[in-house]
Amino acid sequence: MADLIRDEIGVVPDLIRGGGGIFDVVVDGRLIFSKHKEGRFPEPYEVINQIRPVRG
């Protein structure tokens, strides 16, 4: 997904190793997606479509 974000939006994401199955996507301090909250991994373009409005 990091490569897709880079290719589609031109932003190189910082990947922060976590534990316990955490998978959160945060843009400029705003939570875009939380696996814990949603109970699943996101579809690739689900994240892209959420990042675009935040990044302009």
N, C-alpha and C. Protein backbone atom coordinates (compact mmCIF):
# COMPACT_ATOMS: atom_id res chain seq x y z
N MET A 1 0.82 -1.18 0.00
CA MET A 1 0.00 0.00 0.00
C MET A 1 0.87 1.26 0.00
N ALA A 2 2.03 1.20 0.63
CA ALA A 2 2.92 2.36 0.65
C ALA A 2 3.34 2.75 -0.77
N ASP A 3 3.61 1.75 -1.61
CA ASP A 3 3.98 2.04 -3.00
C ASP A 3 2.82 2.67 -3.76
N LEU A 4 1.61 2.20 -3.53
CA LEU A 4 0.44 2.75 -4.19
C LEU A 4 0.24 4.21 -3.78
N ILE A 5 0.39 4.51 -2.51
CA ILE A 5 0.26 5.89 -2.03
C ILE A 5 1.31 6.76 -2.70
N ARG A 6 2.54 6.28 -2.76
CA ARG A 6 3.61 7.04 -3.40
C ARG A 6 3.30 7.28 -4.87
N ASP A 7 2.89 6.23 -5.57
CA ASP A 7 2.64 6.34 -7.00
C ASP A 7 1.42 7.20 -7.34
N GLU A 8 0.36 7.09 -6.56
CA GLU A 8 -0.89 7.79 -6.86
C GLU A 8 -0.89 9.24 -6.37
N ILE A 9 -0.26 9.50 -5.23
CA ILE A 9 -0.36 10.81 -4.60
C ILE A 9 0.98 11.55 -4.59
N GLY A 10 2.07 10.81 -4.75
CA GLY A 10 3.38 11.45 -4.74
C GLY A 10 3.92 11.73 -3.35
N VAL A 11 3.40 11.02 -2.36
CA VAL A 11 3.84 11.17 -0.98
C VAL A 11 4.47 9.85 -0.54
N VAL A 12 5.64 9.94 0.06
CA VAL A 12 6.30 8.74 0.59
C VAL A 12 5.87 8.59 2.04
N PRO A 13 5.08 7.55 2.35
CA PRO A 13 4.59 7.38 3.71
C PRO A 13 5.69 6.95 4.68
N ASP A 14 5.56 7.37 5.92
CA ASP A 14 6.40 6.86 7.00
C ASP A 14 5.71 5.63 7.55
N LEU A 15 6.40 4.50 7.50
CA LEU A 15 5.85 3.28 8.04
C LEU A 15 6.40 3.09 9.45
N ILE A 16 5.52 2.98 10.41
CA ILE A 16 5.91 2.83 11.81
C ILE A 16 5.48 1.46 12.28
N ARG A 17 6.47 0.66 12.62
CA ARG A 17 6.19 -0.71 13.07
C ARG A 17 5.40 -0.66 14.37
N GLY A 18 4.34 -1.44 14.40
CA GLY A 18 3.51 -1.53 15.59
C GLY A 18 3.36 -2.97 16.01
N GLY A 19 2.48 -3.21 16.89
CA GLY A 19 2.23 -4.57 17.35
C GLY A 19 0.75 -4.78 17.57
N GLY A 20 0.38 -6.00 17.77
CA GLY A 20 -1.01 -6.32 18.10
C GLY A 20 -1.98 -6.13 16.95
N GLY A 21 -1.49 -6.16 15.71
CA GLY A 21 -2.39 -6.03 14.57
C GLY A 21 -2.82 -4.62 14.27
N ILE A 22 -2.12 -3.63 14.79
CA ILE A 22 -2.48 -2.23 14.54
C ILE A 22 -2.17 -1.88 13.09
N PHE A 23 -3.12 -1.24 12.44
CA PHE A 23 -2.91 -0.70 11.11
C PHE A 23 -3.72 0.58 11.02
N ASP A 24 -3.06 1.69 11.24
CA ASP A 24 -3.70 3.00 11.18
C ASP A 24 -3.06 3.81 10.08
N VAL A 25 -3.85 4.63 9.41
CA VAL A 25 -3.35 5.57 8.43
C VAL A 25 -3.68 6.96 8.96
N VAL A 26 -2.62 7.76 9.18
CA VAL A 26 -2.77 9.10 9.73
C VAL A 26 -2.13 10.08 8.76
N VAL A 27 -2.86 11.14 8.41
CA VAL A 27 -2.36 12.17 7.51
C VAL A 27 -2.45 13.51 8.22
N ASP A 28 -1.31 14.16 8.38
CA ASP A 28 -1.25 15.47 9.04
C ASP A 28 -1.98 15.46 10.38
N GLY A 29 -1.79 14.38 11.14
CA GLY A 29 -2.38 14.27 12.47
C GLY A 29 -3.83 13.81 12.48
N ARG A 30 -4.42 13.59 11.32
CA ARG A 30 -5.82 13.16 11.22
C ARG A 30 -5.89 11.67 10.90
N LEU A 31 -6.64 10.92 11.69
CA LEU A 31 -6.81 9.49 11.47
C LEU A 31 -7.70 9.28 10.25
N ILE A 32 -7.14 8.64 9.23
CA ILE A 32 -7.86 8.37 7.98
C ILE A 32 -8.50 6.99 8.01
N PHE A 33 -7.79 6.02 8.56
CA PHE A 33 -8.31 4.66 8.64
C PHE A 33 -7.72 3.97 9.85
N SER A 34 -8.54 3.19 10.55
CA SER A 34 -8.09 2.39 11.68
C SER A 34 -8.64 0.97 11.53
N LYS A 35 -7.73 0.01 11.40
CA LYS A 35 -8.15 -1.39 11.31
C LYS A 35 -8.90 -1.80 12.57
N HIS A 36 -8.46 -1.32 13.71
CA HIS A 36 -9.11 -1.65 14.98
C HIS A 36 -10.56 -1.15 14.98
N LYS A 37 -10.76 0.06 14.53
CA LYS A 37 -12.10 0.67 14.52
C LYS A 37 -13.01 0.00 13.48
N GLU A 38 -12.47 -0.30 12.30
CA GLU A 38 -13.27 -0.86 11.21
C GLU A 38 -13.37 -2.38 11.26
N GLY A 39 -12.41 -3.03 11.95
CA GLY A 39 -12.43 -4.49 12.05
C GLY A 39 -11.93 -5.20 10.80
N ARG A 40 -11.19 -4.47 9.95
CA ARG A 40 -10.70 -5.05 8.70
C ARG A 40 -9.58 -4.17 8.16
N PHE A 41 -8.84 -4.73 7.19
CA PHE A 41 -7.86 -3.94 6.46
C PHE A 41 -8.61 -3.13 5.40
N PRO A 42 -8.08 -1.98 5.03
CA PRO A 42 -8.74 -1.18 4.00
C PRO A 42 -8.47 -1.72 2.60
N GLU A 43 -9.38 -1.43 1.70
CA GLU A 43 -9.12 -1.64 0.29
C GLU A 43 -8.12 -0.56 -0.13
N PRO A 44 -7.20 -0.85 -1.05
CA PRO A 44 -6.16 0.12 -1.40
C PRO A 44 -6.68 1.51 -1.77
N TYR A 45 -7.68 1.59 -2.64
CA TYR A 45 -8.15 2.91 -3.05
C TYR A 45 -9.06 3.56 -2.02
N GLU A 46 -9.51 2.81 -1.04
CA GLU A 46 -10.27 3.39 0.07
C GLU A 46 -9.39 4.39 0.82
N VAL A 47 -8.13 4.03 1.02
CA VAL A 47 -7.18 4.92 1.69
C VAL A 47 -6.80 6.09 0.77
N ILE A 48 -6.51 5.79 -0.48
CA ILE A 48 -6.14 6.83 -1.44
C ILE A 48 -7.24 7.89 -1.52
N ASN A 49 -8.48 7.46 -1.61
CA ASN A 49 -9.60 8.39 -1.73
C ASN A 49 -9.80 9.23 -0.48
N GLN A 50 -9.34 8.75 0.66
CA GLN A 50 -9.41 9.53 1.90
C GLN A 50 -8.24 10.50 2.02
N ILE A 51 -7.09 10.13 1.49
CA ILE A 51 -5.90 10.98 1.58
C ILE A 51 -6.01 12.18 0.65
N ARG A 52 -6.52 12.00 -0.55
CA ARG A 52 -6.58 13.08 -1.53
C ARG A 52 -7.21 14.36 -1.01
N PRO A 53 -8.39 14.30 -0.37
CA PRO A 53 -8.98 15.55 0.13
C PRO A 53 -8.15 16.23 1.23
N VAL A 54 -7.44 15.44 2.02
CA VAL A 54 -6.63 15.99 3.11
C VAL A 54 -5.38 16.65 2.56
N ARG A 55 -4.75 16.01 1.57
CA ARG A 55 -3.49 16.51 1.02
C ARG A 55 -3.69 17.58 -0.05
N GLY A 56 -4.91 17.68 -0.60
CA GLY A 56 -5.20 18.69 -1.61
C GLY A 56 -4.60 18.30 -2.89
